[in-house]
């Protein structure tokens, strides 16, 4: 864990729970892609760089989830390096209390104000192609979050962030976090069309052919949508829908999973509503979901 692995002449990644990309664009200067989940990870990153005589000159955040931005604060304090994040993710990086607030739908109670859902704040600037080191490219792969960026280094290596889950994770948990289901499916289409020598998702093994994993992720999303259509074949309240999903997949709910999976299920219901397959209704002062009226 936290081993520096070379993926190209100047491209590396730090193998950890959310892989961190490292691109050496000058003799001693590197660009980081994400920064791990907390200050301890930030320290480990700095130690690895120091052992190689490198210094982080900038941090490119793929998106603002805590396991990707948690190390930004300490690296920014110690190295004075700028942090960039795409779209609304820059606001969430500057104001990370927005993440548990968004997930919960109100002021988050203290059990939700934890480092897994709320990173330490850092000063983030808008991510644009102009800030990338020479030769690097970026692509937007929205859907998992409000806005998410993938990066290609000049070594033809793509860092794909959370655009895909590993096969093992899909088999164990079945439901990954999604904000915009249709946007995510569109991003999977884009991933399948990317050209590159190596593809490195944050939570899956690097691969030379990303298409099989993209197909598995798409199939799992379609499976979950089909399950929700079945569960909502009669009017049913949201908490009962969520319980049915957890029971179907044999998952154990805790407070963090309640807001994460619950948010994804709500997004899936919105997707099915926009497709004209389900509709919400109010019955006895409860929001219910049912098949769409003909």
Protein backbone atom coordinates (compact mmCIF):
# COMPACT_ATOMS: atom_id res chain seq x y z
CA UNK A 1 0.00 0.00 0.00
CA UNK A 2 1.21 3.53 -0.90
CA UNK A 3 3.75 2.11 -3.32
CA UNK A 4 4.87 4.33 -6.21
CA UNK A 5 4.33 2.42 -9.45
CA UNK A 6 5.63 3.57 -12.83
CA UNK A 7 3.04 3.56 -15.62
CA UNK A 8 5.02 5.39 -18.31
CA UNK A 9 8.32 7.24 -18.84
CA UNK A 10 7.08 10.17 -16.71
CA UNK A 11 3.78 8.83 -15.41
CA UNK A 12 3.31 7.08 -12.07
CA UNK A 13 0.58 6.32 -9.60
CA UNK A 14 0.54 5.78 -5.85
CA UNK A 15 -1.28 2.55 -5.15
CA UNK A 16 -3.73 3.26 -2.33
CA UNK A 17 -7.52 3.03 -1.76
CA UNK A 18 -8.10 5.91 -4.21
CA UNK A 19 -5.15 5.84 -6.60
CA UNK A 20 -3.17 9.07 -6.88
CA UNK A 21 -1.69 10.01 -10.25
CA UNK A 22 1.78 11.53 -10.53
CA UNK A 23 3.04 13.12 -13.75
CA UNK A 24 6.62 14.45 -13.78
CA UNK A 25 6.56 17.39 -16.19
CA UNK A 26 10.00 18.77 -15.31
CA UNK A 27 13.19 17.53 -13.67
CA UNK A 28 11.85 18.00 -10.14
CA UNK A 29 8.27 19.19 -10.62
CA UNK A 30 5.25 16.89 -10.61
CA UNK A 31 1.54 17.27 -11.09
CA UNK A 32 -0.64 15.25 -8.73
CA UNK A 33 -3.96 13.83 -9.81
CA UNK A 34 -6.02 13.75 -6.58
CA UNK A 35 -4.57 13.71 -3.07
CA UNK A 36 -6.11 10.88 -1.09
CA UNK A 37 -8.50 10.91 1.83
CA UNK A 38 -6.85 12.79 4.72
CA UNK A 39 -3.81 14.62 6.07
CA UNK A 40 -2.00 11.33 6.76
CA UNK A 41 -2.25 10.46 3.08
CA UNK A 42 -0.99 13.94 2.25
CA UNK A 43 2.08 13.34 4.41
CA UNK A 44 2.70 9.99 2.74
CA UNK A 45 2.46 11.61 -0.68
CA UNK A 46 4.99 14.28 0.29
CA UNK A 47 7.34 11.62 1.69
CA UNK A 48 7.18 9.57 -1.52
CA UNK A 49 7.84 12.63 -3.63
CA UNK A 50 10.72 13.70 -1.41
CA UNK A 51 12.34 10.27 -1.68
CA UNK A 52 12.47 10.80 -5.43
CA UNK A 53 13.60 14.41 -5.28
CA UNK A 54 10.27 15.71 -6.56
CA UNK A 55 7.95 18.50 -5.44
CA UNK A 56 4.23 18.82 -6.19
CA UNK A 57 3.71 21.99 -8.22
CA UNK A 58 -0.06 21.61 -8.65
CA UNK A 59 -2.91 19.25 -7.75
CA UNK A 60 -5.61 18.35 -10.26
CA UNK A 61 -8.70 17.03 -8.48
CA UNK A 62 -10.87 14.72 -10.53
CA UNK A 63 -13.83 15.58 -8.28
CA UNK A 64 -14.54 16.64 -4.71
CA UNK A 65 -15.38 13.43 -2.86
CA UNK A 66 -13.47 13.24 0.40
CA UNK A 67 -11.29 10.26 -0.55
CA UNK A 68 -9.89 12.30 -3.45
CA UNK A 69 -9.36 15.74 -1.86
CA UNK A 70 -8.65 14.97 1.80
CA UNK A 71 -4.88 15.39 1.39
CA UNK A 72 -5.07 18.69 -0.49
CA UNK A 73 -5.11 20.91 2.59
CA UNK A 74 -1.83 19.74 4.12
CA UNK A 75 -0.02 19.66 0.76
CA UNK A 76 -1.23 23.16 -0.02
CA UNK A 77 -0.09 24.40 3.39
CA UNK A 78 3.34 22.77 3.13
CA UNK A 79 4.11 23.29 -0.56
CA UNK A 80 1.97 26.30 -1.47
CA UNK A 81 0.77 24.46 -4.58
CA UNK A 82 -2.48 25.42 -6.28
CA UNK A 83 -5.44 23.04 -6.31
CA UNK A 84 -7.81 22.83 -9.29
CA UNK A 85 -11.20 21.11 -9.51
CA UNK A 86 -13.84 20.96 -12.27
CA UNK A 87 -17.12 22.85 -12.22
CA UNK A 88 -19.09 22.76 -8.98
CA UNK A 89 -16.46 20.43 -7.51
CA UNK A 90 -14.25 23.49 -6.87
CA UNK A 91 -16.96 24.92 -4.61
CA UNK A 92 -17.32 21.63 -2.73
CA UNK A 93 -13.53 21.46 -2.31
CA UNK A 94 -13.49 24.96 -0.82
CA UNK A 95 -16.61 24.24 1.28
CA UNK A 96 -16.65 20.48 1.97
CA UNK A 97 -19.56 20.73 4.42
CA UNK A 98 -21.66 20.92 1.25
CA UNK A 99 -21.08 17.20 0.61
CA UNK A 100 -22.81 15.70 3.68
CA UNK A 101 -25.41 18.49 3.48
CA UNK A 102 -26.20 17.51 -0.10
CA UNK A 103 -26.31 13.81 0.72
CA UNK A 104 -28.54 14.24 3.77
CA UNK A 105 -30.73 16.99 2.32
CA UNK A 106 -30.28 19.30 5.30
CA UNK A 107 -27.81 20.13 8.03
CA UNK A 108 -25.96 16.82 8.58
CA UNK A 109 -26.07 15.36 12.10
CA UNK A 110 -22.68 14.77 13.67
CA UNK A 111 -22.31 11.13 12.63
CA UNK A 112 -22.33 12.31 9.01
CA UNK A 113 -19.72 15.00 9.60
CA UNK A 114 -16.87 12.52 9.31
CA UNK A 115 -13.73 12.41 7.17
CA UNK A 116 -15.28 9.87 4.81
CA UNK A 117 -17.99 12.34 3.79
CA UNK A 118 -16.39 15.69 4.64
CA UNK A 119 -12.76 16.47 3.88
CA UNK A 120 -10.80 19.37 5.29
CA UNK A 121 -11.32 22.49 3.18
CA UNK A 122 -8.69 23.70 0.76
CA UNK A 123 -8.52 26.65 -1.61
CA UNK A 124 -9.52 25.33 -5.04
CA UNK A 125 -9.52 27.15 -8.36
CA UNK A 126 -11.59 26.31 -11.45
CA UNK A 127 -10.06 23.54 -13.55
CA UNK A 128 -9.60 24.50 -17.20
CA UNK A 129 -7.41 23.00 -19.95
CA UNK A 130 -5.13 26.03 -19.72
CA UNK A 131 -3.81 25.06 -16.26
CA UNK A 132 -2.65 21.59 -17.35
CA UNK A 133 1.04 20.88 -17.82
CA UNK A 134 2.10 20.88 -21.47
CA UNK A 135 0.91 17.77 -23.28
CA UNK A 136 -1.74 16.75 -20.76
CA UNK A 137 -5.39 16.47 -21.76
CA UNK A 138 -8.63 16.36 -19.80
CA UNK A 139 -12.08 14.95 -20.48
CA UNK A 140 -15.29 15.43 -18.53
CA UNK A 141 -16.89 12.23 -17.26
CA UNK A 142 -19.82 13.59 -15.23
CA UNK A 143 -22.49 11.48 -13.57
CA UNK A 144 -20.75 9.92 -10.61
CA UNK A 145 -20.56 13.45 -9.24
CA UNK A 146 -21.70 16.90 -10.35
CA UNK A 147 -18.60 17.27 -12.50
CA UNK A 148 -15.71 14.87 -12.86
CA UNK A 149 -12.53 15.10 -14.91
CA UNK A 150 -10.30 12.39 -16.35
CA UNK A 151 -6.73 13.16 -17.38
CA UNK A 152 -4.42 11.81 -20.07
CA UNK A 153 -0.67 12.27 -19.69
CA UNK A 154 1.70 12.57 -22.67
CA UNK A 155 2.67 8.94 -21.95
CA UNK A 156 -0.80 7.98 -23.23
CA UNK A 157 -2.01 7.02 -19.76
CA UNK A 158 -5.57 7.89 -18.69
CA UNK A 159 -6.56 8.49 -15.07
CA UNK A 160 -10.28 7.77 -15.01
CA UNK A 161 -11.21 8.68 -11.42
CA UNK A 162 -14.49 7.08 -10.27
CA UNK A 163 -16.00 6.60 -13.71
CA UNK A 164 -15.89 2.83 -13.15
CA UNK A 165 -16.03 0.41 -10.23
CA UNK A 166 -14.07 -2.81 -10.19
CA UNK A 167 -15.79 -6.13 -10.92
CA UNK A 168 -15.16 -7.21 -7.29
CA UNK A 169 -16.85 -4.06 -5.93
CA UNK A 170 -19.82 -4.49 -8.28
CA UNK A 171 -20.28 -8.07 -7.13
CA UNK A 172 -19.98 -7.20 -3.43
CA UNK A 173 -21.87 -3.89 -3.17
CA UNK A 174 -23.87 -3.72 -6.44
CA UNK A 175 -24.72 -0.02 -6.08
CA UNK A 176 -22.01 2.60 -6.49
CA UNK A 177 -22.58 6.26 -5.80
CA UNK A 178 -24.25 8.07 -8.72
CA UNK A 179 -25.58 11.61 -8.89
CA UNK A 180 -26.86 11.71 -12.49
CA UNK A 181 -27.67 8.27 -13.90
CA UNK A 182 -28.18 9.31 -17.51
CA UNK A 183 -25.03 11.43 -17.34
CA UNK A 184 -23.11 8.47 -15.94
CA UNK A 185 -24.29 6.17 -18.75
CA UNK A 186 -23.21 8.80 -21.28
CA UNK A 187 -19.80 8.98 -19.60
CA UNK A 188 -19.43 5.20 -19.86
CA UNK A 189 -20.02 5.58 -23.60
CA UNK A 190 -17.22 8.16 -23.68
CA UNK A 191 -14.89 5.93 -21.69
CA UNK A 192 -15.35 3.13 -24.21
CA UNK A 193 -14.30 5.51 -26.98
CA UNK A 194 -11.13 6.81 -25.30
CA UNK A 195 -7.85 5.95 -26.97
CA UNK A 196 -4.90 5.20 -24.73
CA UNK A 197 -2.12 2.81 -23.85
CA UNK A 198 -3.17 2.34 -20.23
CA UNK A 199 -6.29 3.19 -18.21
CA UNK A 200 -6.14 3.70 -14.45
CA UNK A 201 -9.46 3.96 -12.57
CA UNK A 202 -9.21 5.16 -8.98
CA UNK A 203 -10.75 2.01 -7.52
CA UNK A 204 -9.90 -0.70 -10.04
CA UNK A 205 -6.77 -2.29 -11.46
CA UNK A 206 -5.01 -0.55 -14.37
CA UNK A 207 -5.85 -2.11 -17.71
CA UNK A 208 -4.95 -1.76 -21.37
CA UNK A 209 -8.58 -2.35 -22.42
CA UNK A 210 -11.19 -0.50 -20.37
CA UNK A 211 -14.19 -1.54 -22.46
CA UNK A 212 -15.05 -4.82 -20.68
CA UNK A 213 -15.18 -3.05 -17.32
CA UNK A 214 -17.31 -0.26 -18.77
CA UNK A 215 -19.78 -2.86 -20.01
CA UNK A 216 -19.95 -4.47 -16.55
CA UNK A 217 -20.65 -1.11 -14.94
CA UNK A 218 -23.37 -0.31 -17.46
CA UNK A 219 -24.99 -3.71 -16.95
CA UNK A 220 -25.07 -3.21 -13.18
CA UNK A 221 -26.79 0.18 -13.53
CA UNK A 222 -29.40 -1.35 -15.82
CA UNK A 223 -29.89 -4.18 -13.32
CA UNK A 224 -30.55 -1.71 -10.49
CA UNK A 225 -33.03 0.25 -12.64
CA UNK A 226 -34.87 -2.99 -13.45
CA UNK A 227 -34.98 -3.87 -9.74
CA UNK A 228 -36.49 -0.47 -8.91
CA UNK A 229 -39.15 -0.87 -11.60
CA UNK A 230 -40.08 -4.19 -9.99
CA UNK A 231 -40.05 -2.83 -6.43
CA UNK A 232 -42.25 0.10 -7.50
CA UNK A 233 -44.82 -2.05 -9.31
CA UNK A 234 -47.24 -0.86 -6.60
CA UNK A 235 -47.20 2.44 -4.67
CA UNK A 236 -44.36 2.29 -2.15
CA UNK A 237 -42.64 4.81 0.12
CA UNK A 238 -38.97 5.66 -0.31
CA UNK A 239 -37.65 4.08 2.90
CA UNK A 240 -39.43 0.86 1.95
CA UNK A 241 -37.82 1.04 -1.49
CA UNK A 242 -34.39 1.49 0.08
CA UNK A 243 -34.98 -1.43 2.47
CA UNK A 244 -36.04 -3.62 -0.47
CA UNK A 245 -32.82 -2.77 -2.32
CA UNK A 246 -30.62 -3.53 0.71
CA UNK A 247 -32.51 -6.77 1.36
CA UNK A 248 -32.33 -7.86 -2.28
CA UNK A 249 -28.55 -7.50 -2.39
CA UNK A 250 -27.94 -8.73 1.15
CA UNK A 251 -26.41 -5.42 2.24
CA UNK A 252 -26.22 -4.14 5.82
CA UNK A 253 -27.24 -0.54 6.29
CA UNK A 254 -25.36 1.98 8.43
CA UNK A 255 -25.73 5.74 8.58
CA UNK A 256 -23.12 6.45 5.90
CA UNK A 257 -24.56 3.82 3.56
CA UNK A 258 -28.03 5.18 4.18
CA UNK A 259 -27.12 8.57 2.73
CA UNK A 260 -24.80 7.27 -0.02
CA UNK A 261 -26.97 4.44 -1.35
CA UNK A 262 -30.10 6.41 -0.55
CA UNK A 263 -28.86 9.28 -2.72
CA UNK A 264 -28.11 6.89 -5.58
CA UNK A 265 -31.54 5.27 -5.32
CA UNK A 266 -33.17 8.70 -5.42
CA UNK A 267 -31.15 9.52 -8.54
CA UNK A 268 -32.26 6.25 -10.13
CA UNK A 269 -35.90 7.03 -9.33
CA UNK A 270 -35.46 10.46 -10.92
CA UNK A 271 -34.02 8.77 -14.00
CA UNK A 272 -37.00 6.43 -14.24
CA UNK A 273 -39.37 9.36 -13.75
CA UNK A 274 -37.69 11.32 -16.56
CA UNK A 275 -37.94 8.22 -18.77
CA UNK A 276 -41.68 8.10 -18.10
CA UNK A 277 -41.55 4.72 -16.34
CA UNK A 278 -42.29 5.71 -12.74
CA UNK A 279 -43.99 8.65 -11.10
CA UNK A 280 -44.10 10.14 -7.61
CA UNK A 281 -47.34 10.68 -5.74
CA UNK A 282 -48.37 11.84 -2.28
CA UNK A 283 -50.49 9.40 -0.29
CA UNK A 284 -51.41 9.90 3.36
CA UNK A 285 -48.73 12.58 3.66
CA UNK A 286 -45.99 10.28 2.35
CA UNK A 287 -44.06 10.48 -0.91
CA UNK A 288 -44.74 7.27 -2.80
CA UNK A 289 -43.46 5.87 -6.09
CA UNK A 290 -45.58 3.90 -8.56
CA UNK A 291 -45.69 2.97 -12.26
CA UNK A 292 -46.33 5.96 -14.48
CA UNK A 293 -49.94 6.53 -15.49
CA UNK A 294 -50.77 5.55 -19.03
